[in-house]
C-alpha atoms as a PDB file:
ATOM      1  CA  UNK A   1      49.581  44.259-114.545  1.00  0.00           C
ATOM      2  CA  UNK A   2      47.781  46.235-111.882  1.00  0.00           C
ATOM      3  CA  UNK A   3      48.481  49.608-110.289  1.00  0.00           C
ATOM      4  CA  UNK A   4      47.800  50.400-106.642  1.00  0.00           C
ATOM      5  CA  UNK A   5      48.415  53.397-104.420  1.00  0.00           C
ATOM      6  CA  UNK A   6      50.742  52.265-101.637  1.00  0.00           C
ATOM      7  CA  UNK A   7      50.969  54.262 -98.416  1.00  0.00           C
ATOM      8  CA  UNK A   8      53.870  53.658 -96.044  1.00  0.00           C
ATOM      9  CA  UNK A   9      53.867  54.074 -92.266  1.00  0.00           C
ATOM     10  CA  UNK A  10      56.677  54.201 -89.662  1.00  0.00           C
ATOM     11  CA  UNK A  11      59.480  51.742 -90.580  1.00  0.00           C
ATOM     12  CA  UNK A  12      57.911  51.128 -94.001  1.00  0.00           C
ATOM     13  CA  UNK A  13      58.099  54.862 -94.735  1.00  0.00           C
ATOM     14  CA  UNK A  14      61.713  54.892 -93.618  1.00  0.00           C
ATOM     15  CA  UNK A  15      62.568  51.907 -95.841  1.00  0.00           C
ATOM     16  CA  UNK A  16      60.862  53.430 -98.902  1.00  0.00           C
ATOM     17  CA  UNK A  17      62.007  56.995 -98.268  1.00  0.00           C
ATOM     18  CA  UNK A  18      58.515  58.310 -98.984  1.00  0.00           C
ATOM     19  CA  UNK A  19      55.004  58.329 -97.585  1.00  0.00           C
ATOM     20  CA  UNK A  20      53.225  56.982-100.663  1.00  0.00           C
ATOM     21  CA  UNK A  21      53.592  56.082-104.321  1.00  0.00           C
ATOM     22  CA  UNK A  22      51.791  54.331-107.159  1.00  0.00           C
ATOM     23  CA  UNK A  23      53.168  50.857-107.791  1.00  0.00           C
ATOM     24  CA  UNK A  24      52.589  48.536-110.746  1.00  0.00           C
ATOM     25  CA  UNK A  25      52.531  44.868-109.840  1.00  0.00           C
ATOM     26  CA  UNK A  26      52.486  41.770-112.025  1.00  0.00           C
ATOM     27  CA  UNK A  27      49.426  40.408-110.204  1.00  0.00           C
ATOM     28  CA  UNK A  28      46.950  42.247-107.996  1.00  0.00           C
ATOM     29  CA  UNK A  29      47.928  40.289-104.857  1.00  0.00           C
ATOM     30  CA  UNK A  30      49.696  41.048-101.586  1.00  0.00           C
ATOM     31  CA  UNK A  31      52.433  38.559-102.537  1.00  0.00           C
ATOM     32  CA  UNK A  32      53.146  40.328-105.816  1.00  0.00           C
ATOM     33  CA  UNK A  33      53.273  43.677-104.014  1.00  0.00           C
ATOM     34  CA  UNK A  34      55.638  42.270-101.386  1.00  0.00           C
ATOM     35  CA  UNK A  35      57.997  41.019-104.105  1.00  0.00           C
ATOM     36  CA  UNK A  36      57.920  44.368-105.936  1.00  0.00           C
ATOM     37  CA  UNK A  37      58.625  46.372-102.779  1.00  0.00           C
ATOM     38  CA  UNK A  38      61.545  44.134-101.787  1.00  0.00           C
ATOM     39  CA  UNK A  39      62.960  44.392-105.335  1.00  0.00           C
ATOM     40  CA  UNK A  40      62.750  48.208-105.124  1.00  0.00           C
ATOM     41  CA  UNK A  41      63.928  48.814-101.572  1.00  0.00           C
ATOM     42  CA  UNK A  42      65.957  45.751-100.585  1.00  0.00           C
ATOM     43  CA  UNK A  43      66.664  44.423 -97.107  1.00  0.00           C
ATOM     44  CA  UNK A  44      65.098  47.283 -95.102  1.00  0.00           C
ATOM     45  CA  UNK A  45      61.751  46.711 -96.823  1.00  0.00           C
ATOM     46  CA  UNK A  46      62.121  42.933 -96.649  1.00  0.00           C
ATOM     47  CA  UNK A  47      62.269  43.170 -92.844  1.00  0.00           C
ATOM     48  CA  UNK A  48      59.093  45.274 -92.836  1.00  0.00           C
ATOM     49  CA  UNK A  49      57.033  43.053 -95.155  1.00  0.00           C
ATOM     50  CA  UNK A  50      58.224  39.857 -93.471  1.00  0.00           C
ATOM     51  CA  UNK A  51      56.968  40.912 -90.031  1.00  0.00           C
ATOM     52  CA  UNK A  52      54.410  43.606 -90.855  1.00  0.00           C
ATOM     53  CA  UNK A  53      51.021  43.530 -92.520  1.00  0.00           C
ATOM     54  CA  UNK A  54      48.984  45.146 -95.275  1.00  0.00           C
ATOM     55  CA  UNK A  55      45.715  47.029 -94.911  1.00  0.00           C
ATOM     56  CA  UNK A  56      43.651  46.188 -98.007  1.00  0.00           C
ATOM     57  CA  UNK A  57      40.100  47.445 -98.287  1.00  0.00           C
ATOM     58  CA  UNK A  58      40.010  48.138 -94.560  1.00  0.00           C
ATOM     59  CA  UNK A  59      41.105  44.585 -93.666  1.00  0.00           C
ATOM     60  CA  UNK A  60      44.535  43.760 -92.237  1.00  0.00           C
ATOM     61  CA  UNK A  61      46.136  40.887 -94.113  1.00  0.00           C
ATOM     62  CA  UNK A  62      49.384  38.930 -94.344  1.00  0.00           C
ATOM     63  CA  UNK A  63      47.938  36.465 -96.864  1.00  0.00           C
ATOM     64  CA  UNK A  64      50.043  36.613-100.071  1.00  0.00           C
ATOM     65  CA  UNK A  65      47.030  35.544-102.154  1.00  0.00           C
ATOM     66  CA  UNK A  66      44.838  38.406-100.877  1.00  0.00           C
ATOM     67  CA  UNK A  67      43.649  40.522-103.810  1.00  0.00           C
ATOM     68  CA  UNK A  68      44.621  44.178-103.878  1.00  0.00           C
ATOM     69  CA  UNK A  69      42.261  47.036-104.569  1.00  0.00           C
ATOM     70  CA  UNK A  70      42.679  50.798-104.683  1.00  0.00           C
ATOM     71  CA  UNK A  71      44.890  51.818-101.774  1.00  0.00           C
ATOM     72  CA  UNK A  72      47.131  49.534 -99.731  1.00  0.00           C
ATOM     73  CA  UNK A  73      48.755  50.581 -96.456  1.00  0.00           C
ATOM     74  CA  UNK A  74      52.058  48.938 -95.519  1.00  0.00           C
ATOM     75  CA  UNK A  75      52.094  48.564 -91.741  1.00  0.00           C
ATOM     76  CA  UNK A  76      55.153  47.512 -89.768  1.00  0.00           C
ATOM     77  CA  UNK A  77      54.622  45.510 -86.578  1.00  0.00           C
ATOM     78  CA  UNK A  78      53.459  47.681 -83.699  1.00  0.00           C
ATOM     79  CA  UNK A  79      54.506  47.269 -80.087  1.00  0.00           C
ATOM     80  CA  UNK A  80      51.865  46.702 -77.469  1.00  0.00           C
ATOM     81  CA  UNK A  81      49.081  45.563 -79.685  1.00  0.00           C
END
């Protein structure tokens, strides 16, 4: 088990109903975090994690095997960029 601070932005914040929280995940990977967030918040969060990305250690990633560390930002897709 691993614990990370997850910060939510825009549609991710709306889906979670909060701006941040500490989350325990089975494995310290983006894929494990995605699964945990979908289990907690259902379809609204599934749409966000399916098309959005994660900022891990200052690097944007969609790779489910990417290792987590410290704080992870959940970023929905952004228009125009």
